[in-house]
Structures are given as structure tokens and as C-alpha cells.
Amino acid sequence: IKYFLLTAAISLVGYLIVIPLYSYWGAAWMTVISELLITIGAWLVIQQHVRLRIPWMIMGKLALASIIMAALAWQLAATLSVLPLIAVSAIVYMLSAMALRAISVTELKNLIKP
């Protein structure tokens, strides 16, 4: 809880400073910073109790699949409405992740299986 209280205090002070200066952009970026702090705090708590190893190579491949999806979505955003854009983006992400061997067909089936 100490990490979350620290994040709340930092966020509150941050919001009070940046919102008057930068309006909604300040609020948006302060939210990003507070979410990052919460993620770091959660990671520290998890690391104290569970020894997890992050597969960095797979994370890099998934990040690349995200970049591919985002680039295509950026190009298609002017021509597609939001629901088809989401569907196309999801398909492109899955295919990219599979092509980069970040996920396998078996792992994908396990995610879909009830």
C-alpha cells in the first residue's frame, strides 16, 4: 500500500501543478505518469513475493507487433469507422505476433478456449 499512497500523493501534487498550466494535456500526462508509478509499485510488490522472469525477447517482438498494428491503424483511421478499425487492428496484431513468433497457434487457442 505504501507505493500506492506515494503515487496518490505525487499525482495529487502533480495534478494541482500541471492542470492550471497545461489544462487537459497536463491532466493526461499526469495520468500517464501516475499509471507508470502504479505499475512500478505493483511490480515491486510482486517481485517481493513471486520470482517472475520477464521474457524480454518475446516482449520486444510483441512491441514490434504493436508498432506494426499502430502504423496500419494510423493509415486506415481516415477511411474506416472505429469498429472495423478495431477489428482490423486486432487481426493485424495477432498475425504480426504470430509471424514474429511471439505467440504460437497453440497459445492463441489456449487463450480462446473457455
C-alpha atoms as a PDB file:
ATOM      1  CA  ILE A   1       0.000   0.000   0.000  1.00  0.00           C
ATOM      2  CA  LYS A   2       2.929   2.350   0.568  1.00  0.00           C
ATOM      3  CA  TYR A   3       3.672   2.540  -3.166  1.00  0.00           C
ATOM      4  CA  PHE A   4       0.067   3.369  -3.972  1.00  0.00           C
ATOM      5  CA  LEU A   5      -0.128   6.045  -1.271  1.00  0.00           C
ATOM      6  CA  LEU A   6       3.101   7.558  -2.586  1.00  0.00           C
ATOM      7  CA  THR A   7       1.677   7.516  -6.117  1.00  0.00           C
ATOM      8  CA  ALA A   8      -1.542   9.158  -4.912  1.00  0.00           C
ATOM      9  CA  ALA A   9       0.395  11.930  -3.167  1.00  0.00           C
ATOM     10  CA  ILE A  10       2.668  12.542  -6.158  1.00  0.00           C
ATOM     11  CA  SER A  11      -0.319  12.510  -8.523  1.00  0.00           C
ATOM     12  CA  LEU A  12      -2.343  14.933  -6.427  1.00  0.00           C
ATOM     13  CA  VAL A  13       0.519  17.429  -6.257  1.00  0.00           C
ATOM     14  CA  GLY A  14       1.229  16.875  -9.939  1.00  0.00           C
ATOM     15  CA  TYR A  15      -2.384  17.482 -10.942  1.00  0.00           C
ATOM     16  CA  LEU A  16      -2.533  20.664  -8.864  1.00  0.00           C
ATOM     17  CA  ILE A  17       0.578  21.946 -10.633  1.00  0.00           C
ATOM     18  CA  VAL A  18       0.089  20.840 -14.245  1.00  0.00           C
ATOM     19  CA  ILE A  19      -3.653  21.296 -14.776  1.00  0.00           C
ATOM     20  CA  PRO A  20      -3.589  25.089 -14.305  1.00  0.00           C
ATOM     21  CA  LEU A  21      -0.545  25.314 -16.580  1.00  0.00           C
ATOM     22  CA  TYR A  22      -1.383  22.813 -19.329  1.00  0.00           C
ATOM     23  CA  SER A  23      -5.117  22.094 -18.978  1.00  0.00           C
ATOM     24  CA  TYR A  24      -6.259  18.673 -20.213  1.00  0.00           C
ATOM     25  CA  TRP A  25      -2.835  17.874 -21.692  1.00  0.00           C
ATOM     26  CA  GLY A  26      -1.303  18.261 -18.251  1.00  0.00           C
ATOM     27  CA  ALA A  27      -4.006  16.044 -16.750  1.00  0.00           C
ATOM     28  CA  ALA A  28      -3.485  13.416 -19.437  1.00  0.00           C
ATOM     29  CA  TRP A  29       0.284  13.269 -18.990  1.00  0.00           C
ATOM     30  CA  MET A  30      -0.011  13.284 -15.212  1.00  0.00           C
ATOM     31  CA  THR A  31      -2.349  10.289 -15.533  1.00  0.00           C
ATOM     32  CA  VAL A  32       0.244   8.511 -17.670  1.00  0.00           C
ATOM     33  CA  ILE A  33       2.915   9.222 -15.047  1.00  0.00           C
ATOM     34  CA  SER A  34       0.699   8.039 -12.187  1.00  0.00           C
ATOM     35  CA  GLU A  35      -0.180   4.820 -14.037  1.00  0.00           C
ATOM     36  CA  LEU A  36       3.513   4.221 -14.665  1.00  0.00           C
ATOM     37  CA  LEU A  37       4.230   4.720 -10.953  1.00  0.00           C
ATOM     38  CA  ILE A  38       1.428   2.302 -10.031  1.00  0.00           C
ATOM     39  CA  THR A  39       2.847  -0.259 -12.454  1.00  0.00           C
ATOM     40  CA  ILE A  40       6.315   0.092 -10.940  1.00  0.00           C
ATOM     41  CA  GLY A  41       4.876  -0.203  -7.418  1.00  0.00           C
ATOM     42  CA  ALA A  42       2.877  -3.297  -8.327  1.00  0.00           C
ATOM     43  CA  TRP A  43       5.960  -4.815  -9.935  1.00  0.00           C
ATOM     44  CA  LEU A  44       7.998  -4.217  -6.771  1.00  0.00           C
ATOM     45  CA  VAL A  45       5.332  -5.852  -4.600  1.00  0.00           C
ATOM     46  CA  ILE A  46       5.039  -8.831  -6.927  1.00  0.00           C
ATOM     47  CA  GLN A  47       8.823  -9.236  -7.026  1.00  0.00           C
ATOM     48  CA  GLN A  48       8.916  -9.459  -3.218  1.00  0.00           C
ATOM     49  CA  HIS A  49       6.552 -12.437  -3.196  1.00  0.00           C
ATOM     50  CA  VAL A  50       6.931 -14.168  -6.556  1.00  0.00           C
ATOM     51  CA  ARG A  51      10.085 -14.558  -8.604  1.00  0.00           C
ATOM     52  CA  LEU A  52       8.958 -13.930 -12.155  1.00  0.00           C
ATOM     53  CA  ARG A  53      11.248 -13.672 -15.118  1.00  0.00           C
ATOM     54  CA  ILE A  54      10.149 -11.500 -17.985  1.00  0.00           C
ATOM     55  CA  PRO A  55      10.890 -12.991 -21.415  1.00  0.00           C
ATOM     56  CA  TRP A  56      12.381  -9.774 -22.857  1.00  0.00           C
ATOM     57  CA  MET A  57      12.815 -11.209 -26.360  1.00  0.00           C
ATOM     58  CA  ILE A  58       9.104 -12.017 -26.562  1.00  0.00           C
ATOM     59  CA  MET A  59       8.236  -8.612 -25.099  1.00  0.00           C
ATOM     60  CA  GLY A  60      10.301  -6.965 -27.848  1.00  0.00           C
ATOM     61  CA  LYS A  61       8.527  -8.988 -30.517  1.00  0.00           C
ATOM     62  CA  LEU A  62       5.140  -8.060 -29.059  1.00  0.00           C
ATOM     63  CA  ALA A  63       6.186  -4.397 -29.006  1.00  0.00           C
ATOM     64  CA  LEU A  64       7.141  -4.669 -32.676  1.00  0.00           C
ATOM     65  CA  ALA A  65       3.757  -6.265 -33.439  1.00  0.00           C
ATOM     66  CA  SER A  66       2.124  -3.318 -31.640  1.00  0.00           C
ATOM     67  CA  ILE A  67       4.102  -0.848 -33.735  1.00  0.00           C
ATOM     68  CA  ILE A  68       3.070  -2.636 -36.934  1.00  0.00           C
ATOM     69  CA  MET A  69      -0.570  -2.595 -35.830  1.00  0.00           C
ATOM     70  CA  ALA A  70      -0.402   1.089 -34.836  1.00  0.00           C
ATOM     71  CA  ALA A  71       1.187   2.095 -38.144  1.00  0.00           C
ATOM     72  CA  LEU A  72      -1.528   0.337 -40.110  1.00  0.00           C
ATOM     73  CA  ALA A  73      -4.285   1.699 -37.872  1.00  0.00           C
ATOM     74  CA  TRP A  74      -2.883   5.205 -38.330  1.00  0.00           C
ATOM     75  CA  GLN A  75      -3.091   4.793 -42.092  1.00  0.00           C
ATOM     76  CA  LEU A  76      -6.583   3.303 -42.048  1.00  0.00           C
ATOM     77  CA  ALA A  77      -8.080   5.678 -39.467  1.00  0.00           C
ATOM     78  CA  ALA A  78      -9.164   8.170 -42.120  1.00  0.00           C
ATOM     79  CA  THR A  79     -11.004   5.558 -44.190  1.00  0.00           C
ATOM     80  CA  LEU A  80     -12.531   3.137 -41.645  1.00  0.00           C
ATOM     81  CA  SER A  81     -15.013   3.740 -38.875  1.00  0.00           C
ATOM     82  CA  VAL A  82     -13.974   2.769 -35.367  1.00  0.00           C
ATOM     83  CA  LEU A  83     -15.401  -0.778 -35.108  1.00  0.00           C
ATOM     84  CA  PRO A  84     -13.903  -2.088 -38.372  1.00  0.00           C
ATOM     85  CA  LEU A  85     -10.644  -0.333 -37.449  1.00  0.00           C
ATOM     86  CA  ILE A  86     -10.555  -2.167 -34.102  1.00  0.00           C
ATOM     87  CA  ALA A  87     -11.269  -5.490 -35.797  1.00  0.00           C
ATOM     88  CA  VAL A  88      -8.602  -4.992 -38.478  1.00  0.00           C
ATOM     89  CA  SER A  89      -6.101  -3.823 -35.854  1.00  0.00           C
ATOM     90  CA  ALA A  90      -6.701  -6.876 -33.673  1.00  0.00           C
ATOM     91  CA  ILE A  91      -6.258  -9.218 -36.635  1.00  0.00           C
ATOM     92  CA  VAL A  92      -3.080  -7.440 -37.766  1.00  0.00           C
ATOM     93  CA  TYR A  93      -1.672  -7.590 -34.216  1.00  0.00           C
ATOM     94  CA  MET A  94      -2.366 -11.312 -33.886  1.00  0.00           C
ATOM     95  CA  LEU A  95      -0.932 -12.111 -37.315  1.00  0.00           C
ATOM     96  CA  SER A  96       2.130  -9.941 -36.679  1.00  0.00           C
ATOM     97  CA  ALA A  97       2.741 -11.552 -33.292  1.00  0.00           C
ATOM     98  CA  MET A  98       2.424 -14.993 -34.860  1.00  0.00           C
ATOM     99  CA  ALA A  99       4.688 -14.094 -37.802  1.00  0.00           C
ATOM    100  CA  LEU A 100       7.320 -12.786 -35.371  1.00  0.00           C
ATOM    101  CA  ARG A 101       6.930 -15.988 -33.345  1.00  0.00           C
ATOM    102  CA  ALA A 102       5.994 -14.094 -30.206  1.00  0.00           C
ATOM    103  CA  ILE A 103       2.919 -16.300 -29.784  1.00  0.00           C
ATOM    104  CA  SER A 104       2.067 -19.670 -31.242  1.00  0.00           C
ATOM    105  CA  VAL A 105      -1.194 -21.014 -32.603  1.00  0.00           C
ATOM    106  CA  THR A 106      -1.407 -23.309 -29.565  1.00  0.00           C
ATOM    107  CA  GLU A 107      -1.080 -20.357 -27.167  1.00  0.00           C
ATOM    108  CA  LEU A 108      -3.727 -18.475 -29.111  1.00  0.00           C
ATOM    109  CA  LYS A 109      -6.093 -21.471 -28.910  1.00  0.00           C
ATOM    110  CA  ASN A 110      -5.495 -21.691 -25.146  1.00  0.00           C
ATOM    111  CA  LEU A 111      -6.484 -18.027 -24.803  1.00  0.00           C
ATOM    112  CA  ILE A 112      -9.713 -18.573 -26.757  1.00  0.00           C
ATOM    113  CA  LYS A 113     -10.629 -21.885 -25.090  1.00  0.00           C
ATOM    114  CA  PRO A 114     -13.382 -21.476 -22.430  1.00  0.00           C
END
